[in-house]
Protein backbone atom coordinates (compact mmCIF):
# COMPACT_ATOMS: atom_id res chain seq x y z
CA MET A 1 177.56 127.42 -109.50
CA GLY A 2 180.10 129.62 -111.27
CA ILE A 3 181.29 131.14 -108.01
CA PHE A 4 181.46 127.71 -106.37
CA LEU A 5 183.51 126.19 -109.20
CA PHE A 6 185.83 129.17 -109.30
CA PHE A 7 186.61 128.72 -105.64
CA VAL A 8 187.07 124.96 -106.09
CA ILE A 9 189.66 125.60 -108.82
CA ILE A 10 191.41 128.35 -106.88
CA VAL A 11 191.58 126.35 -103.64
CA GLY A 12 192.63 123.17 -105.47
CA THR A 13 195.40 124.79 -107.51
CA VAL A 14 196.74 126.78 -104.57
CA ALA A 15 196.81 123.54 -102.53
CA LEU A 16 198.80 121.89 -105.35
CA THR A 17 201.19 124.82 -105.20
CA PHE A 18 201.94 124.35 -101.51
CA VAL A 19 202.41 120.61 -102.01
CA ALA A 20 204.80 121.35 -104.87
CA GLN A 21 206.77 123.71 -102.64
CA LYS A 22 207.90 120.71 -100.58
CA ARG A 23 209.46 119.16 -103.70
CA THR A 24 211.27 122.36 -104.71
CA SER A 25 214.66 122.39 -103.01
CA SER A 26 217.05 123.35 -105.81
CA ALA A 27 217.23 125.68 -108.80
CA ALA A 28 216.76 122.66 -111.10
CA ASP A 29 213.55 121.79 -109.23
CA PHE A 30 212.27 125.36 -109.40
CA PHE A 31 212.96 126.01 -113.09
CA VAL A 32 212.54 122.59 -114.81
CA ALA A 33 211.32 120.12 -112.12
CA ASP A 34 214.80 118.52 -112.32
CA GLY A 35 213.75 116.54 -115.42
CA LYS A 36 211.34 114.36 -113.41
CA ILE A 37 208.16 114.85 -115.48
CA GLY A 38 207.02 111.87 -117.61
CA GLY A 39 206.59 112.15 -121.38
CA VAL A 40 202.78 111.78 -121.47
CA SER A 41 202.29 114.01 -118.43
CA ASN A 42 204.55 116.63 -119.95
CA GLY A 43 202.57 116.39 -123.21
CA PHE A 44 199.37 117.31 -121.40
CA ALA A 45 201.24 120.06 -119.57
CA ILE A 46 202.48 121.47 -122.91
CA ALA A 47 198.91 121.36 -124.22
CA GLY A 48 197.75 123.13 -121.07
CA ASP A 49 200.53 125.68 -121.48
CA PHE A 50 199.72 126.25 -125.15
CA MET A 51 195.90 126.41 -125.12
CA SER A 52 195.50 129.89 -123.74
CA ALA A 53 192.57 132.25 -123.41
CA ALA A 54 193.00 132.84 -127.14
CA THR A 55 192.01 129.23 -127.87
CA LEU A 56 188.55 128.98 -126.30
CA LEU A 57 187.65 132.67 -125.93
CA GLY A 58 189.57 134.54 -128.63
CA ILE A 59 189.26 132.15 -131.58
CA THR A 60 185.56 131.61 -130.93
CA ALA A 61 185.22 135.39 -130.95
CA ILE A 62 186.97 135.60 -134.34
CA ILE A 63 184.65 132.94 -135.83
CA PHE A 64 181.73 134.83 -134.29
CA GLY A 65 182.74 138.07 -135.98
CA ALA A 66 184.72 137.08 -139.05
CA GLY A 67 183.85 133.48 -139.92
CA TYR A 68 186.33 131.08 -141.45
CA ASP A 69 189.32 133.42 -141.45
CA ALA A 70 189.95 131.91 -138.00
CA VAL A 71 191.41 128.87 -139.80
CA ILE A 72 194.73 130.73 -139.86
CA TYR A 73 194.83 130.67 -136.07
CA LEU A 74 193.82 127.02 -135.88
CA GLY A 75 196.25 125.75 -138.52
CA ALA A 76 199.32 127.39 -136.99
CA PRO A 77 199.83 124.81 -134.17
CA LEU A 78 200.16 121.98 -136.71
CA GLY A 79 202.99 123.79 -138.47
CA ALA A 80 204.63 124.89 -135.23
CA PHE A 81 204.65 121.46 -133.61
CA SER A 82 205.82 119.83 -136.83
CA ILE A 83 208.85 122.14 -136.73
CA ILE A 84 209.40 121.42 -133.03
CA ILE A 85 209.09 117.63 -133.42
CA TYR A 86 211.22 117.19 -136.56
CA LEU A 87 213.80 119.96 -136.20
CA MET A 88 214.11 121.00 -132.57
CA THR A 89 213.09 118.40 -129.96
CA ASP A 90 216.26 116.28 -129.90
CA LYS A 91 218.58 119.28 -129.85
CA LEU A 92 216.51 121.03 -127.19
CA LYS A 93 216.85 118.08 -124.86
CA ALA A 94 220.49 117.34 -125.69
CA LEU A 95 221.83 120.90 -125.33
CA GLY A 96 219.45 122.81 -123.03
CA LYS A 97 219.30 122.96 -119.24
CA TYR A 98 216.88 125.63 -118.00
CA SER A 99 215.98 127.70 -121.08
CA PHE A 100 216.42 127.80 -124.86
CA THR A 101 219.20 130.34 -124.30
CA ASP A 102 221.46 127.57 -123.02
CA ILE A 103 221.40 126.01 -126.51
CA ILE A 104 222.49 129.17 -128.29
CA CYS A 105 225.18 129.78 -125.68
CA SER A 106 226.61 126.30 -126.28
CA ARG A 107 228.31 127.66 -129.44
CA LEU A 108 228.16 131.47 -129.25
CA LYS A 109 229.59 133.99 -126.79
CA GLU A 110 227.49 133.71 -123.65
CA LYS A 111 227.13 137.21 -122.21
CA PRO A 112 225.67 139.14 -125.20
CA ILE A 113 223.44 136.20 -126.16
CA ARG A 114 221.95 135.91 -122.67
CA ILE A 115 221.27 139.64 -122.52
CA LEU A 116 219.54 139.51 -125.91
CA ALA A 117 217.56 136.35 -125.10
CA ALA A 118 216.44 137.71 -121.73
CA THR A 119 215.22 140.88 -123.45
CA THR A 120 213.28 138.99 -126.13
CA THR A 121 211.82 136.52 -123.62
CA LEU A 122 210.61 139.31 -121.34
CA SER A 123 209.11 141.26 -124.25
CA PHE A 124 207.32 138.14 -125.49
CA SER A 125 206.14 136.92 -122.10
CA LEU A 126 204.87 140.27 -120.84
CA MET A 127 202.72 140.81 -123.94
CA TYR A 128 201.44 137.23 -123.85
CA LEU A 129 200.64 137.56 -120.15
CA MET A 130 198.79 140.78 -120.87
CA ALA A 131 196.55 138.96 -123.36
CA GLN A 132 195.68 136.29 -120.78
CA ILE A 133 194.95 138.90 -118.11
CA VAL A 134 192.58 140.70 -120.50
CA GLY A 135 190.63 137.45 -120.99
CA ALA A 136 190.57 136.64 -117.29
CA GLY A 137 189.47 140.14 -116.32
CA ALA A 138 186.58 140.12 -118.79
CA LEU A 139 185.54 136.63 -117.66
CA ILE A 140 185.39 137.47 -113.97
CA GLU A 141 183.74 140.82 -114.70
CA VAL A 142 180.90 139.13 -116.60
CA LEU A 143 180.43 136.23 -114.18
CA PHE A 144 180.71 138.00 -110.84
CA GLY A 145 179.78 141.55 -111.72
CA ILE A 146 182.93 143.00 -110.13
CA SER A 147 184.99 145.68 -111.83
CA TYR A 148 187.55 144.77 -114.49
CA LEU A 149 190.32 146.38 -112.44
CA TRP A 150 189.72 144.13 -109.41
CA ALA A 151 189.38 141.10 -111.67
CA VAL A 152 192.86 141.81 -113.07
CA VAL A 153 194.29 142.20 -109.57
CA ILE A 154 192.84 138.83 -108.48
CA VAL A 155 194.21 136.89 -111.47
CA THR A 156 197.63 138.53 -111.23
CA ALA A 157 197.88 137.68 -107.53
CA LEU A 158 197.10 134.02 -108.22
CA MET A 159 199.67 133.93 -111.01
CA VAL A 160 202.38 135.21 -108.68
CA ILE A 161 201.44 132.67 -105.99
CA TYR A 162 201.76 129.69 -108.36
CA VAL A 163 205.21 130.64 -109.59
CA ALA A 164 206.73 132.21 -106.47
CA ILE A 165 205.74 129.34 -104.18
CA GLY A 166 205.64 126.18 -106.29
CA GLY A 167 207.93 126.73 -109.28
CA MET A 168 207.87 124.26 -112.17
CA PHE A 169 206.26 121.39 -110.23
CA ALA A 170 203.24 123.53 -109.33
CA THR A 171 203.07 125.00 -112.82
CA THR A 172 203.12 121.52 -114.39
CA TRP A 173 200.38 120.12 -112.16
CA VAL A 174 198.16 123.16 -112.78
CA GLN A 175 198.71 122.81 -116.54
CA ILE A 176 197.85 119.08 -116.58
CA PHE A 177 194.74 119.73 -114.49
CA LYS A 178 193.71 122.52 -116.86
CA ALA A 179 194.32 120.45 -120.02
CA ILE A 180 192.05 117.64 -118.77
CA LEU A 181 189.36 120.15 -117.78
CA LEU A 182 189.52 121.86 -121.17
CA LEU A 183 189.36 118.60 -123.15
CA ALA A 184 186.31 117.52 -121.17
CA GLY A 185 184.68 120.96 -121.23
CA VAL A 186 184.89 121.55 -124.98
CA SER A 187 183.71 117.98 -125.65
CA VAL A 188 180.56 118.46 -123.58
CA LEU A 189 179.99 121.97 -124.98
CA ALA A 190 180.26 120.64 -128.54
CA LEU A 191 177.85 117.76 -127.83
CA LEU A 192 175.29 120.03 -126.17
CA THR A 193 175.55 122.51 -129.05
CA LEU A 194 174.96 119.78 -131.63
CA SER A 195 172.08 118.34 -129.59
CA THR A 196 170.32 121.73 -129.83
CA PHE A 197 170.19 121.16 -133.60
CA ASN A 198 169.27 117.44 -133.35
CA PHE A 199 172.92 116.55 -134.10
CA SER A 200 172.49 117.95 -137.60
CA PHE A 201 175.49 119.92 -138.87
CA ALA A 202 173.41 121.16 -141.79
CA GLU A 203 170.75 122.62 -139.51
CA MET A 204 173.37 124.31 -137.29
CA TYR A 205 175.27 125.76 -140.26
CA ASN A 206 172.09 127.05 -141.87
CA ALA A 207 171.11 128.83 -138.66
CA ALA A 208 174.60 130.33 -138.34
CA HIS A 209 174.63 131.44 -141.96
CA ALA A 210 171.26 133.14 -141.53
CA ASN A 211 172.51 135.01 -138.45
CA HIS A 212 175.60 136.23 -140.25
CA GLY A 213 173.41 137.87 -142.88
CA THR A 214 174.11 138.00 -146.58
CA ASP A 215 177.90 138.31 -146.37
CA GLY A 216 178.42 134.55 -146.33
CA LEU A 217 181.25 134.65 -143.81
CA LEU A 218 180.72 131.01 -142.95
CA THR A 219 181.12 129.83 -146.52
CA ARG A 220 184.06 131.92 -147.71
CA GLY A 221 187.05 133.74 -146.29
CA GLY A 222 187.62 137.45 -145.96
CA GLY A 223 185.91 138.20 -142.68
CA LEU A 224 189.03 139.66 -141.12
CA GLY A 225 189.47 141.95 -144.10
CA LEU A 226 193.04 140.81 -144.67
CA SER A 227 194.95 141.13 -147.88
CA THR A 228 196.83 138.05 -149.10
CA LEU A 229 200.07 139.54 -147.79
CA SER A 230 198.56 140.23 -144.36
CA ALA A 231 197.14 136.70 -144.15
CA VAL A 232 200.55 135.21 -144.97
CA SER A 233 202.18 137.51 -142.42
CA LEU A 234 199.70 136.42 -139.76
CA GLY A 235 200.31 132.74 -140.54
CA VAL A 236 204.10 133.15 -140.44
CA GLY A 237 203.92 134.96 -137.11
CA LEU A 238 201.66 132.38 -135.50
CA CYS A 239 203.58 129.32 -136.75
CA LEU A 240 207.15 130.48 -136.16
CA GLY A 241 206.17 132.42 -133.03
CA LEU A 242 204.78 129.29 -131.40
CA ALA A 243 207.92 127.35 -132.37
CA GLY A 244 209.97 130.09 -130.68
CA SER A 245 207.82 130.50 -127.55
CA PRO A 246 210.09 130.37 -124.47
CA HIS A 247 207.39 129.00 -122.15
CA LEU A 248 206.75 126.05 -124.50
CA LEU A 249 210.41 125.36 -125.24
CA MET A 250 211.40 125.19 -121.56
CA ARG A 251 208.91 122.36 -121.03
CA PHE A 252 211.22 120.06 -123.03
CA PHE A 253 213.82 120.42 -120.27
CA THR A 254 211.45 118.88 -117.69
CA VAL A 255 211.69 115.31 -119.10
CA LYS A 256 214.58 112.88 -118.73
CA ASP A 257 215.55 112.09 -122.34
CA LYS A 258 214.94 112.72 -126.05
CA ALA A 259 212.37 109.92 -126.40
CA ALA A 260 210.23 111.43 -123.62
CA ALA A 261 210.56 114.84 -125.28
CA ARG A 262 209.23 113.45 -128.59
CA VAL A 263 206.33 111.74 -126.78
CA SER A 264 205.54 115.06 -125.08
CA ALA A 265 205.32 116.90 -128.40
CA GLY A 266 203.12 114.18 -129.97
CA VAL A 267 200.66 114.07 -127.06
CA ALA A 268 200.46 117.87 -126.98
CA LEU A 269 199.77 118.10 -130.71
CA GLY A 270 197.00 115.48 -130.47
CA ALA A 271 195.24 117.27 -127.60
CA ILE A 272 195.56 120.70 -129.21
CA SER A 273 194.29 119.48 -132.60
CA TYR A 274 191.25 117.86 -130.98
CA VAL A 275 190.25 121.06 -129.15
CA ASN A 276 190.86 123.25 -132.21
CA LEU A 277 188.72 121.05 -134.46
CA LEU A 278 185.78 121.19 -132.05
CA ILE A 279 186.07 124.97 -131.73
CA PHE A 280 186.30 125.49 -135.49
CA PHE A 281 183.57 123.15 -136.69
CA VAL A 282 181.09 123.16 -133.77
CA ILE A 283 181.57 125.68 -130.97
CA GLY A 284 182.33 128.74 -133.10
CA VAL A 285 179.51 128.01 -135.55
CA GLY A 286 177.13 127.23 -132.68
CA ALA A 287 177.95 130.59 -131.09
CA VAL A 288 177.00 132.37 -134.32
CA ALA A 289 173.75 130.38 -134.52
CA LEU A 290 172.63 130.81 -130.90
CA VAL A 291 174.27 133.95 -129.50
CA LYS A 292 174.52 136.36 -132.43
CA GLY A 293 171.53 138.72 -132.37
CA ASN A 294 170.07 137.05 -129.26
CA ASP A 295 168.77 139.84 -127.01
CA VAL A 296 169.50 137.78 -123.89
CA TYR A 297 173.25 138.19 -124.48
CA LEU A 298 173.30 141.79 -125.71
CA ASP A 299 173.91 144.93 -123.68
CA ALA A 300 172.07 148.25 -124.06
CA SER A 301 174.23 149.32 -127.01
CA GLY A 302 173.52 146.09 -128.91
CA GLY A 303 176.97 144.57 -128.37
CA VAL A 304 177.68 141.22 -126.75
CA ILE A 305 177.78 141.44 -122.96
CA GLY A 306 181.44 141.41 -121.96
CA GLY A 307 182.55 141.77 -125.58
CA ASN A 308 183.02 139.13 -128.27
CA ASN A 309 185.62 137.37 -126.13
CA MET A 310 182.71 136.08 -124.01
CA VAL A 311 180.63 134.44 -126.77
CA SER A 312 181.73 130.89 -125.86
CA ILE A 313 180.62 131.54 -122.27
CA HIS A 314 177.23 132.77 -123.49
CA LEU A 315 176.97 129.70 -125.75
CA ALA A 316 177.40 127.49 -122.68
CA ASP A 317 174.45 129.26 -121.08
CA ALA A 318 172.36 128.90 -124.25
CA VAL A 319 172.88 125.12 -124.52
CA GLY A 320 173.33 124.08 -120.90
CA GLY A 321 171.87 126.77 -118.65
CA GLU A 322 173.40 128.61 -115.73
CA VAL A 323 175.06 125.55 -114.21
CA PHE A 324 176.92 124.69 -117.40
CA LEU A 325 177.82 128.35 -117.90
CA GLY A 326 179.53 128.20 -114.51
CA ILE A 327 181.39 125.04 -115.52
CA ILE A 328 182.69 126.45 -118.83
CA ALA A 329 183.60 129.76 -117.20
CA ALA A 330 185.57 127.85 -114.56
CA VAL A 331 187.30 125.82 -117.30
CA ALA A 332 188.21 129.03 -119.15
CA PHE A 333 189.55 130.48 -115.92
CA ALA A 334 191.67 127.37 -115.28
CA THR A 335 192.96 127.71 -118.86
CA ILE A 336 194.14 131.22 -118.18
CA LEU A 337 195.73 130.35 -114.82
CA ALA A 338 197.77 127.53 -116.34
CA VAL A 339 199.10 129.63 -119.20
CA VAL A 340 199.99 132.66 -117.09
CA ALA A 341 201.88 130.41 -114.67
CA GLY A 342 204.02 129.01 -117.50
CA LEU A 343 204.65 132.44 -119.00
CA MET A 344 205.54 133.92 -115.65
CA LEU A 345 208.01 131.11 -114.98
CA ALA A 346 209.67 131.71 -118.37
CA SER A 347 209.99 135.41 -117.53
CA VAL A 348 211.45 134.70 -114.12
CA THR A 349 213.93 132.23 -115.64
CA ALA A 350 215.08 134.88 -118.12
CA LEU A 351 215.65 137.39 -115.35
CA THR A 352 217.31 135.26 -112.68
CA HIS A 353 218.98 132.41 -114.62
CA ASP A 354 219.88 134.01 -117.95
CA LEU A 355 220.47 137.59 -116.90
CA TYR A 356 221.31 137.84 -113.19
CA SER A 357 223.01 134.52 -112.49
CA ASN A 358 224.93 134.11 -115.77
CA VAL A 359 225.60 137.72 -116.80
CA ILE A 360 225.71 139.93 -113.72
CA LYS A 361 227.05 137.35 -111.23
CA THR A 362 228.63 135.05 -113.86
CA GLY A 363 227.63 131.85 -112.11
CA GLU A 364 228.55 132.93 -108.54
CA LEU A 365 224.94 132.94 -107.30
CA ASP A 366 224.04 130.11 -104.91
CA GLN A 367 220.83 128.17 -105.54
CA ASP A 368 218.91 129.35 -102.47
CA ARG A 369 219.53 132.99 -103.36
CA GLN A 370 218.61 132.30 -106.99
CA ILE A 371 215.24 130.84 -105.94
CA ARG A 372 214.61 133.74 -103.54
CA LEU A 373 215.35 136.34 -106.21
CA SER A 374 213.07 134.46 -108.61
CA LYS A 375 210.18 134.91 -106.19
CA TYR A 376 210.86 138.65 -105.91
CA ALA A 377 210.99 138.86 -109.70
CA ALA A 378 207.59 137.15 -109.95
CA VAL A 379 206.04 139.84 -107.75
CA GLY A 380 207.56 142.69 -109.76
CA LEU A 381 206.52 141.19 -113.09
CA GLY A 382 203.01 140.63 -111.76
CA ILE A 383 202.61 144.36 -111.08
CA ILE A 384 203.79 145.24 -114.62
CA VAL A 385 201.43 142.70 -116.19
CA ALA A 386 198.45 144.03 -114.22
CA ILE A 387 199.13 147.55 -115.50
CA LEU A 388 199.36 146.31 -119.10
CA GLY A 389 196.17 144.25 -118.72
CA ILE A 390 194.25 147.33 -117.60
CA ALA A 391 195.65 149.41 -120.49
CA PHE A 392 194.61 146.87 -123.16
CA GLU A 393 191.10 146.12 -121.88
CA ARG A 394 188.59 144.97 -124.56
CA GLN A 395 191.21 144.09 -127.18
CA ASN A 396 190.56 140.72 -128.89
CA ILE A 397 192.68 138.12 -127.11
CA ALA A 398 193.60 136.09 -130.18
CA TYR A 399 194.67 139.31 -131.92
CA LEU A 400 196.89 140.31 -129.00
CA VAL A 401 198.45 136.84 -128.98
CA SER A 402 199.15 137.03 -132.71
CA LEU A 403 201.06 140.29 -132.20
CA THR A 404 202.98 138.73 -129.31
CA LEU A 405 203.95 135.70 -131.37
CA ALA A 406 205.42 138.05 -133.97
CA ILE A 407 208.12 138.83 -131.40
CA GLY A 408 208.92 135.14 -130.88
CA ALA A 409 208.97 134.55 -134.62
CA SER A 410 211.27 137.52 -135.24
CA THR A 411 213.80 136.84 -132.48
CA ASN A 412 213.76 133.48 -130.70
CA PHE A 413 213.00 131.32 -133.72
CA PRO A 414 215.78 132.66 -136.00
CA LEU A 415 218.27 132.52 -133.13
CA LEU A 416 217.40 128.90 -132.31
CA ILE A 417 217.09 127.45 -135.79
CA LEU A 418 220.28 129.08 -137.13
CA SER A 419 222.33 128.22 -134.05
CA MET A 420 221.22 124.59 -134.44
CA TYR A 421 221.71 124.19 -138.19
CA TRP A 422 223.95 126.89 -139.68
CA ARG A 423 227.68 126.70 -139.12
CA GLY A 424 228.17 130.28 -140.33
CA LEU A 425 226.21 131.98 -137.54
CA THR A 426 228.38 134.17 -135.31
CA THR A 427 227.73 136.06 -132.10
CA LYS A 428 227.72 139.41 -133.90
CA GLY A 429 225.24 138.11 -136.48
CA ALA A 430 222.95 136.60 -133.84
CA VAL A 431 222.89 139.76 -131.72
CA ALA A 432 222.41 142.09 -134.69
CA GLY A 433 219.63 139.98 -136.20
CA GLY A 434 217.90 139.53 -132.84
CA ILE A 435 217.91 143.26 -132.17
CA VAL A 436 216.66 144.08 -135.67
CA GLY A 437 213.88 141.48 -135.41
CA LEU A 438 212.77 142.62 -131.95
CA VAL A 439 212.85 146.37 -132.71
CA THR A 440 211.12 145.94 -136.07
CA ALA A 441 208.35 143.74 -134.63
CA ILE A 442 207.64 146.12 -131.74
CA MET A 443 207.94 149.27 -133.84
CA LEU A 444 205.58 148.02 -136.56
CA MET A 445 203.21 146.76 -133.87
CA VAL A 446 203.07 150.19 -132.20
CA LEU A 447 202.68 152.01 -135.54
CA GLY A 448 200.02 149.58 -136.76
CA PRO A 449 196.23 149.60 -136.26
CA ALA A 450 196.20 147.64 -132.98
CA VAL A 451 198.14 150.22 -130.96
CA TRP A 452 198.35 153.44 -132.99
CA VAL A 453 194.60 153.53 -133.63
CA ASP A 454 192.89 151.29 -131.04
CA VAL A 455 195.02 152.22 -128.02
CA PHE A 456 196.41 155.70 -128.83
CA GLY A 457 193.21 156.85 -130.53
CA ASN A 458 194.72 158.14 -133.78
CA ASP A 459 192.63 158.17 -136.94
CA GLN A 460 195.03 156.27 -139.23
CA PRO A 461 197.92 153.88 -138.55
CA ILE A 462 201.40 154.82 -139.80
CA PHE A 463 202.11 151.18 -140.73
CA PRO A 464 198.99 149.93 -142.54
CA GLN A 465 199.45 146.18 -142.03
CA ALA A 466 197.86 144.65 -138.93
CA TYR A 467 200.45 141.84 -138.66
CA PRO A 468 204.19 142.65 -138.87
CA ALA A 469 205.76 139.16 -138.67
CA LEU A 470 206.52 138.65 -142.36
CA TYR A 471 208.59 141.82 -142.45
CA SER A 472 210.33 141.50 -139.08
CA VAL A 473 211.15 137.77 -139.53
CA THR A 474 212.62 138.39 -142.98
CA LEU A 475 214.74 141.28 -141.72
CA ALA A 476 215.97 139.21 -138.75
CA PHE A 477 217.13 136.30 -140.95
CA ILE A 478 218.75 138.61 -143.53
CA THR A 479 220.58 140.60 -140.84
CA MET A 480 221.89 137.46 -139.13
CA TRP A 481 223.13 136.11 -142.46
CA VAL A 482 224.75 139.32 -143.73
CA VAL A 483 226.46 140.26 -140.45
CA SER A 484 227.66 136.69 -139.82
CA VAL A 485 229.12 136.39 -143.33
CA MET A 486 230.94 139.72 -142.91
CA ASP A 487 232.22 138.83 -139.42
CA SER A 488 235.85 137.81 -139.88
CA SER A 489 236.90 138.56 -136.30
CA GLU A 490 238.66 136.06 -134.06
CA GLN A 491 235.42 135.53 -132.14
CA GLY A 492 233.54 134.91 -135.41
CA VAL A 493 236.01 132.20 -136.40
CA GLN A 494 235.65 130.61 -132.96
CA ASP A 495 231.84 130.68 -133.25
CA ARG A 496 232.01 128.80 -136.55
CA ASN A 497 234.39 126.21 -135.11
CA ASN A 498 232.10 125.73 -132.11
CA PHE A 499 229.35 124.45 -134.39
CA GLN A 500 231.11 121.10 -134.90
CA VAL A 501 231.81 120.85 -131.17
CA MET A 502 228.10 121.36 -130.49
CA GLU A 503 227.15 118.76 -133.11
CA ASP A 504 229.53 116.19 -131.62
CA SER A 505 228.17 116.75 -128.13
């Protein structure tokens, strides 16, 4: 059943891609579907783009291992979409064309900003893609019994096909299809889990608490072992990182007007909140009650088969048997495909639209050549992502995503919010703050426990905090403010004057 459903999804989505190719005749079609996506449809596509492997696989794994500390991951979307709806949606639609970089360039010097934004977008997207590939590789490895390496190759190849052939139309249709599948899948999984305990939350929670032992991780926080400062840093990174995610922001350029953009954000927030609530209160707890300590789902060393990222898949088997396991695994796979397609398209847009077309060629590139180069870029990025996915095998997906979002929070978010609302921002300040935020986030990430210890194999991390966002975001904002205030150059004066021009437009 699992194999059959996988092939149904693969064949169906690839067919959608070839249909979409017929509607992709211009750069506007390829990058943003020429603004032809409806508000409600785009809302489901945003939800499909947002709810990654970290949602169903990674967050369930955190609840499985650390209990209620996962609430930090589940509360972040509410804050992020509140910021997007109330502070960013109208300006995104009014000032952007293909990417969020267009908005910043509407008042600051174009060339240095596009180089910076392309760098931050690629850094963000490649790490986010790596996290999805890790989840997909583990999923296929467990279900089909093939090696992790070949599983990564298969998923990467599909990702390249969606973007290189179909562009934004194909990506949107895949994301809508995935969002509907995920909403239905988690609903049925939650109902079957509750039915196992006679629809009694008390009975399910008691069983989960007993399996967790005497540490009480389901009744109090602390399972992740975070200090208060680390917990705040994680929350800041998740919330502001989501609000600065290039693959989510570019979806607001696919609708026709501001009203449709607001509808999109509202629909997306409703769908995401529904899925998160079911995972937090039912699916995660059910996994602890039925999978933890169950010999059926343990390997020879006593660990969960496939790692903790697979506990929601094992829960599907426990409550619905092999057939339902195949269904949920297929849903999780569709989730990953939709997200990697959106991330890949954001990366390609940064390379060909922001960097090559507007910096190297300064607008001289014709649309056919721009689309062709975008397809080549998709292939090259796919190879890089596959290598990264193999290097970071077995890392928790939600954890990898949280580190990735620290980059978005430290670079894209400060650039966007200050260019929209602060007259004093100058090109020098934006570039300096963006570089400081990006370098600090990556440097602290490499020196922290996730990379320095888990990947490089060192005994102790140089930077003790697991989540760097609080430090890198603060430094980015301070640098932008200080450098902009000190910038008295002719260009700095022009940047300040451009703010009113942008507001009027």
